[in-house]
């Protein structure tokens, strides 16, 4: 069974950093893309970043470019989201999602059939 587990969320001051992890299990191959999404109170779910399965292609939404970095450790089936220079507007529940397609990357939530439970990120002084 496919399972995604996020970790690393918490409370951080503006300008601080957090690293989120998404551990994936249950896939029959390493060919799956991971997307990070977030949902703030009163807002729609927003695509933040994605990384594909083999070519290490990445994409970021404009609001996080230069601050967030996505990476993956294929040997550990884990994807990371390093978040630096955090702002209060980054506060949200962050979700990772997976789609088992080779060389694929998308920030559209409906592209992803598998989702984790989410981890809360709060940026506040």
N, C-alpha and C. Protein backbone atom coordinates (compact mmCIF):
# COMPACT_ATOMS: atom_id res chain seq x y z
N UNK A 1 0.84 -1.18 0.00
CA UNK A 1 0.00 0.00 0.00
C UNK A 1 0.88 1.24 0.00
N UNK A 2 0.49 2.23 -0.79
CA UNK A 2 1.24 3.47 -0.87
C UNK A 2 1.01 4.29 0.39
N UNK A 3 2.09 4.82 0.92
CA UNK A 3 2.00 5.66 2.10
C UNK A 3 3.00 6.80 2.00
N UNK A 4 2.56 7.99 2.36
CA UNK A 4 3.40 9.17 2.41
C UNK A 4 3.31 9.75 3.80
N UNK A 5 4.45 10.05 4.39
CA UNK A 5 4.49 10.58 5.75
C UNK A 5 5.35 11.83 5.76
N UNK A 6 4.75 12.97 6.10
CA UNK A 6 5.48 14.22 6.23
C UNK A 6 5.98 14.39 7.65
N UNK A 7 7.08 15.11 7.78
CA UNK A 7 7.60 15.47 9.08
C UNK A 7 8.42 16.74 8.94
N UNK A 8 8.71 17.38 10.06
CA UNK A 8 9.59 18.54 10.08
C UNK A 8 8.91 19.86 10.30
N UNK A 9 7.60 19.88 10.36
CA UNK A 9 6.90 21.13 10.60
C UNK A 9 7.06 21.60 12.03
N UNK A 10 6.65 22.83 12.28
CA UNK A 10 6.74 23.38 13.61
C UNK A 10 6.58 24.88 13.59
N UNK A 11 6.94 25.49 14.71
CA UNK A 11 6.87 26.93 14.89
C UNK A 11 8.25 27.53 14.72
N UNK A 12 8.35 28.56 13.89
CA UNK A 12 9.62 29.21 13.63
C UNK A 12 9.40 30.71 13.51
N UNK A 13 10.40 31.49 13.89
CA UNK A 13 10.31 32.94 13.77
C UNK A 13 10.52 33.38 12.33
N UNK A 14 9.99 34.53 11.95
CA UNK A 14 10.27 35.06 10.62
C UNK A 14 11.77 35.14 10.35
N UNK A 15 12.16 34.73 9.15
CA UNK A 15 13.56 34.68 8.79
C UNK A 15 14.22 33.36 9.11
N UNK A 16 13.55 32.50 9.82
CA UNK A 16 14.10 31.21 10.19
C UNK A 16 13.95 30.17 9.10
N UNK A 17 14.35 28.95 9.44
CA UNK A 17 14.37 27.86 8.48
C UNK A 17 13.75 26.60 9.05
N UNK A 18 13.19 25.80 8.17
CA UNK A 18 12.71 24.47 8.48
C UNK A 18 13.01 23.56 7.31
N UNK A 19 13.18 22.29 7.58
CA UNK A 19 13.30 21.30 6.53
C UNK A 19 12.21 20.25 6.70
N UNK A 20 11.36 20.16 5.70
CA UNK A 20 10.32 19.16 5.69
C UNK A 20 10.79 17.91 4.98
N UNK A 21 10.31 16.78 5.44
CA UNK A 21 10.62 15.50 4.82
C UNK A 21 9.35 14.79 4.42
N UNK A 22 9.42 14.07 3.32
CA UNK A 22 8.31 13.24 2.85
C UNK A 22 8.87 11.86 2.58
N UNK A 23 8.50 10.91 3.40
CA UNK A 23 8.94 9.54 3.24
C UNK A 23 7.88 8.74 2.50
N UNK A 24 8.27 8.12 1.41
CA UNK A 24 7.34 7.37 0.57
C UNK A 24 7.61 5.88 0.68
N UNK A 25 6.55 5.11 0.68
CA UNK A 25 6.67 3.66 0.71
C UNK A 25 5.52 3.04 -0.06
N UNK A 26 5.70 1.81 -0.47
CA UNK A 26 4.65 1.07 -1.13
C UNK A 26 4.63 1.17 -2.65
N UNK A 27 5.53 1.96 -3.24
CA UNK A 27 5.60 2.04 -4.69
C UNK A 27 6.38 0.85 -5.24
N UNK A 28 5.99 0.40 -6.44
CA UNK A 28 6.64 -0.74 -7.05
C UNK A 28 7.93 -0.38 -7.77
N UNK A 29 8.19 0.91 -7.95
CA UNK A 29 9.41 1.39 -8.56
C UNK A 29 9.78 2.74 -7.98
N UNK A 30 10.95 3.24 -8.36
CA UNK A 30 11.39 4.56 -7.94
C UNK A 30 10.87 5.67 -8.84
N UNK A 31 10.09 5.32 -9.83
CA UNK A 31 9.61 6.29 -10.81
C UNK A 31 8.33 6.95 -10.32
N UNK A 32 8.47 7.92 -9.46
CA UNK A 32 7.33 8.71 -9.03
C UNK A 32 7.79 10.13 -8.74
N UNK A 33 6.94 11.06 -9.05
CA UNK A 33 7.19 12.46 -8.76
C UNK A 33 6.58 12.82 -7.41
N UNK A 34 7.18 13.80 -6.77
CA UNK A 34 6.68 14.31 -5.50
C UNK A 34 6.40 15.81 -5.63
N UNK A 35 5.24 16.20 -5.18
CA UNK A 35 4.91 17.61 -5.09
C UNK A 35 4.67 18.02 -3.65
N UNK A 36 5.06 19.25 -3.35
CA UNK A 36 4.73 19.85 -2.06
C UNK A 36 3.64 20.89 -2.28
N UNK A 37 2.64 20.85 -1.44
CA UNK A 37 1.51 21.76 -1.49
C UNK A 37 1.27 22.34 -0.11
N UNK A 38 0.58 23.45 -0.07
CA UNK A 38 0.25 24.04 1.22
C UNK A 38 -1.14 24.65 1.17
N UNK A 39 -1.76 24.68 2.34
CA UNK A 39 -3.09 25.26 2.45
C UNK A 39 -3.16 26.09 3.73
N UNK A 40 -3.34 27.38 3.56
CA UNK A 40 -3.48 28.30 4.67
C UNK A 40 -4.96 28.49 4.99
N UNK A 41 -5.27 28.95 6.21
CA UNK A 41 -6.68 29.17 6.56
C UNK A 41 -7.37 30.10 5.58
N UNK A 42 -8.51 29.67 5.09
CA UNK A 42 -9.28 30.47 4.16
C UNK A 42 -8.76 30.51 2.75
N UNK A 43 -7.74 29.72 2.45
CA UNK A 43 -7.13 29.72 1.12
C UNK A 43 -7.28 28.36 0.45
N UNK A 44 -7.18 28.37 -0.87
CA UNK A 44 -7.17 27.14 -1.62
C UNK A 44 -5.81 26.47 -1.51
N UNK A 45 -5.78 25.17 -1.73
CA UNK A 45 -4.53 24.45 -1.73
C UNK A 45 -3.65 24.93 -2.88
N UNK A 46 -2.39 25.22 -2.57
CA UNK A 46 -1.46 25.83 -3.49
C UNK A 46 -0.26 24.93 -3.73
N UNK A 47 0.11 24.77 -4.99
CA UNK A 47 1.33 24.05 -5.30
C UNK A 47 2.56 24.87 -4.96
N UNK A 48 3.52 24.28 -4.27
CA UNK A 48 4.72 24.97 -3.83
C UNK A 48 5.93 24.56 -4.66
N UNK A 49 6.14 23.26 -4.82
CA UNK A 49 7.30 22.77 -5.52
C UNK A 49 7.06 21.33 -5.93
N UNK A 50 7.82 20.88 -6.93
CA UNK A 50 7.76 19.48 -7.32
C UNK A 50 9.11 19.05 -7.84
N UNK A 51 9.32 17.74 -7.84
CA UNK A 51 10.55 17.15 -8.34
C UNK A 51 10.19 15.84 -9.03
N UNK A 52 10.82 15.58 -10.18
CA UNK A 52 10.47 14.39 -10.92
C UNK A 52 11.29 13.20 -10.46
N UNK A 53 11.09 12.07 -11.13
CA UNK A 53 11.60 10.80 -10.61
C UNK A 53 13.05 10.52 -10.93
N UNK A 54 13.54 10.91 -12.12
CA UNK A 54 14.86 10.48 -12.57
C UNK A 54 15.78 11.61 -13.01
N UNK A 55 15.26 12.56 -13.75
CA UNK A 55 16.11 13.63 -14.28
C UNK A 55 16.33 14.76 -13.29
N UNK A 56 15.71 14.68 -12.14
CA UNK A 56 15.85 15.68 -11.08
C UNK A 56 15.38 17.06 -11.52
N UNK A 57 14.39 17.10 -12.38
CA UNK A 57 13.79 18.35 -12.74
C UNK A 57 12.96 18.89 -11.59
N UNK A 58 12.99 20.20 -11.41
CA UNK A 58 12.27 20.81 -10.30
C UNK A 58 11.51 22.04 -10.77
N UNK A 59 10.53 22.42 -9.98
CA UNK A 59 9.74 23.61 -10.27
C UNK A 59 9.28 24.21 -8.95
N UNK A 60 9.20 25.55 -8.93
CA UNK A 60 8.78 26.28 -7.74
C UNK A 60 7.77 27.35 -8.11
N UNK A 61 6.81 27.55 -7.24
CA UNK A 61 5.92 28.68 -7.42
C UNK A 61 6.70 29.96 -7.14
N UNK A 62 6.29 31.06 -7.76
CA UNK A 62 7.08 32.28 -7.71
C UNK A 62 7.32 32.79 -6.29
N UNK A 63 6.37 32.61 -5.41
CA UNK A 63 6.47 33.19 -4.08
C UNK A 63 7.56 32.55 -3.22
N UNK A 64 8.07 31.38 -3.62
CA UNK A 64 9.09 30.71 -2.81
C UNK A 64 10.43 30.59 -3.52
N UNK A 65 10.52 31.03 -4.76
CA UNK A 65 11.78 30.94 -5.49
C UNK A 65 12.89 31.71 -4.77
N UNK A 66 14.04 31.07 -4.68
CA UNK A 66 15.17 31.66 -3.99
C UNK A 66 15.17 31.41 -2.50
N UNK A 67 14.08 30.91 -1.95
CA UNK A 67 13.99 30.63 -0.52
C UNK A 67 13.84 29.15 -0.21
N UNK A 68 13.11 28.43 -1.05
CA UNK A 68 12.85 27.01 -0.84
C UNK A 68 13.65 26.18 -1.83
N UNK A 69 14.06 25.00 -1.41
CA UNK A 69 14.78 24.08 -2.27
C UNK A 69 14.23 22.67 -2.07
N UNK A 70 13.86 22.03 -3.16
CA UNK A 70 13.39 20.66 -3.09
C UNK A 70 14.50 19.72 -3.54
N UNK A 71 14.60 18.57 -2.91
CA UNK A 71 15.59 17.58 -3.28
C UNK A 71 15.05 16.20 -2.93
N UNK A 72 15.70 15.18 -3.47
CA UNK A 72 15.28 13.83 -3.14
C UNK A 72 16.47 12.92 -2.96
N UNK A 73 16.31 11.98 -2.05
CA UNK A 73 17.28 10.93 -1.81
C UNK A 73 16.61 9.65 -2.25
N UNK A 74 16.93 9.20 -3.46
CA UNK A 74 16.25 8.05 -4.03
C UNK A 74 16.52 6.78 -3.22
N UNK A 75 17.72 6.67 -2.67
CA UNK A 75 18.05 5.46 -1.92
C UNK A 75 17.23 5.34 -0.65
N UNK A 76 16.74 6.45 -0.14
CA UNK A 76 15.94 6.45 1.07
C UNK A 76 14.46 6.70 0.80
N UNK A 77 14.09 6.84 -0.46
CA UNK A 77 12.71 7.12 -0.84
C UNK A 77 12.14 8.32 -0.10
N UNK A 78 12.94 9.35 -0.01
CA UNK A 78 12.57 10.53 0.75
C UNK A 78 12.80 11.80 -0.07
N UNK A 79 11.87 12.72 0.03
CA UNK A 79 11.98 14.02 -0.61
C UNK A 79 11.97 15.08 0.48
N UNK A 80 12.81 16.09 0.30
CA UNK A 80 12.95 17.14 1.29
C UNK A 80 12.52 18.48 0.70
N UNK A 81 12.04 19.34 1.56
CA UNK A 81 11.79 20.73 1.21
C UNK A 81 12.49 21.60 2.23
N UNK A 82 13.61 22.18 1.82
CA UNK A 82 14.34 23.11 2.67
C UNK A 82 13.73 24.49 2.52
N UNK A 83 13.28 25.06 3.62
CA UNK A 83 12.60 26.34 3.61
C UNK A 83 13.42 27.34 4.41
N UNK A 84 13.94 28.34 3.73
CA UNK A 84 14.74 29.39 4.36
C UNK A 84 14.03 30.73 4.25
N UNK A 85 14.47 31.67 5.06
CA UNK A 85 13.92 33.02 5.04
C UNK A 85 12.40 33.00 5.13
N UNK A 86 11.90 32.24 6.06
CA UNK A 86 10.45 32.05 6.16
C UNK A 86 9.74 33.34 6.55
N UNK A 87 8.56 33.49 5.99
CA UNK A 87 7.72 34.65 6.21
C UNK A 87 6.40 34.22 6.85
N UNK A 88 5.73 35.13 7.55
CA UNK A 88 4.43 34.77 8.13
C UNK A 88 3.45 34.23 7.10
N UNK A 89 3.50 34.73 5.88
CA UNK A 89 2.59 34.26 4.86
C UNK A 89 2.89 32.84 4.38
N UNK A 90 3.99 32.26 4.83
CA UNK A 90 4.28 30.85 4.56
C UNK A 90 3.53 29.92 5.50
N UNK A 91 2.88 30.47 6.51
CA UNK A 91 2.15 29.66 7.47
C UNK A 91 1.04 28.88 6.77
N UNK A 92 1.04 27.58 6.96
CA UNK A 92 0.06 26.71 6.30
C UNK A 92 0.29 25.28 6.76
N UNK A 93 -0.65 24.42 6.43
CA UNK A 93 -0.41 23.00 6.49
C UNK A 93 0.25 22.59 5.18
N UNK A 94 1.38 21.92 5.27
CA UNK A 94 2.12 21.48 4.10
C UNK A 94 1.91 20.00 3.87
N UNK A 95 1.59 19.67 2.64
CA UNK A 95 1.32 18.29 2.24
C UNK A 95 2.31 17.86 1.16
N UNK A 96 2.72 16.61 1.22
CA UNK A 96 3.40 16.04 0.07
C UNK A 96 2.45 15.09 -0.64
N UNK A 97 2.66 14.96 -1.93
CA UNK A 97 1.81 14.12 -2.77
C UNK A 97 2.68 13.44 -3.81
N UNK A 98 2.23 12.29 -4.28
CA UNK A 98 3.02 11.49 -5.21
C UNK A 98 2.18 11.06 -6.40
N UNK A 99 2.84 10.97 -7.55
CA UNK A 99 2.25 10.41 -8.75
C UNK A 99 3.29 9.52 -9.41
N UNK A 100 2.97 8.25 -9.68
CA UNK A 100 3.97 7.32 -10.22
C UNK A 100 4.11 7.41 -11.73
N UNK A 101 4.66 8.51 -12.20
CA UNK A 101 4.89 8.75 -13.62
C UNK A 101 6.33 9.18 -13.82
N UNK A 102 6.99 8.59 -14.79
CA UNK A 102 8.38 8.91 -15.10
C UNK A 102 8.49 10.29 -15.72
N UNK A 103 9.47 11.07 -15.30
CA UNK A 103 9.76 12.39 -15.85
C UNK A 103 8.54 13.31 -15.84
N UNK A 104 7.93 13.40 -14.69
CA UNK A 104 6.72 14.18 -14.53
C UNK A 104 6.88 15.14 -13.36
N UNK A 105 6.31 16.34 -13.52
CA UNK A 105 6.35 17.33 -12.45
C UNK A 105 5.18 18.29 -12.66
N UNK A 106 4.39 18.47 -11.62
CA UNK A 106 3.21 19.31 -11.74
C UNK A 106 2.90 19.96 -10.40
N UNK A 107 2.38 21.17 -10.45
CA UNK A 107 1.92 21.87 -9.25
C UNK A 107 0.39 21.92 -9.17
N UNK A 108 -0.26 21.08 -9.93
CA UNK A 108 -1.71 20.99 -9.88
C UNK A 108 -2.12 19.85 -8.97
N UNK A 109 -2.85 20.13 -7.89
CA UNK A 109 -3.19 19.07 -6.93
C UNK A 109 -3.92 17.89 -7.55
N UNK A 110 -4.75 18.13 -8.53
CA UNK A 110 -5.54 17.05 -9.11
C UNK A 110 -4.70 16.06 -9.91
N UNK A 111 -3.43 16.38 -10.14
CA UNK A 111 -2.54 15.45 -10.82
C UNK A 111 -2.05 14.33 -9.91
N UNK A 112 -2.26 14.46 -8.61
CA UNK A 112 -1.64 13.56 -7.65
C UNK A 112 -2.68 12.67 -6.96
N UNK A 113 -2.55 11.38 -7.11
CA UNK A 113 -3.51 10.47 -6.48
C UNK A 113 -3.19 10.10 -5.03
N UNK A 114 -1.94 10.30 -4.61
CA UNK A 114 -1.53 9.89 -3.27
C UNK A 114 -1.08 11.08 -2.47
N UNK A 115 -1.55 11.16 -1.22
CA UNK A 115 -1.30 12.31 -0.36
C UNK A 115 -0.93 11.88 1.04
N UNK A 116 -0.08 12.68 1.66
CA UNK A 116 0.19 12.52 3.07
C UNK A 116 -0.84 13.24 3.92
N UNK A 117 -0.64 13.18 5.22
CA UNK A 117 -1.59 13.76 6.17
C UNK A 117 -1.35 15.24 6.43
N UNK A 118 -0.19 15.74 6.07
CA UNK A 118 0.13 17.14 6.27
C UNK A 118 0.92 17.39 7.54
N UNK A 119 1.69 18.47 7.53
CA UNK A 119 2.43 18.91 8.69
C UNK A 119 2.30 20.43 8.80
N UNK A 120 2.05 20.91 10.01
CA UNK A 120 1.80 22.32 10.23
C UNK A 120 3.10 23.11 10.28
N UNK A 121 3.15 24.19 9.52
CA UNK A 121 4.25 25.15 9.57
C UNK A 121 3.67 26.48 9.99
N UNK A 122 4.17 27.02 11.09
CA UNK A 122 3.72 28.31 11.59
C UNK A 122 4.92 29.24 11.71
N UNK A 123 4.83 30.38 11.05
CA UNK A 123 5.89 31.38 11.07
C UNK A 123 5.35 32.60 11.80
N UNK A 124 5.87 32.84 12.98
CA UNK A 124 5.34 33.89 13.83
C UNK A 124 6.40 34.32 14.84
N UNK A 125 6.36 35.60 15.18
CA UNK A 125 7.23 36.10 16.22
C UNK A 125 6.61 35.97 17.60
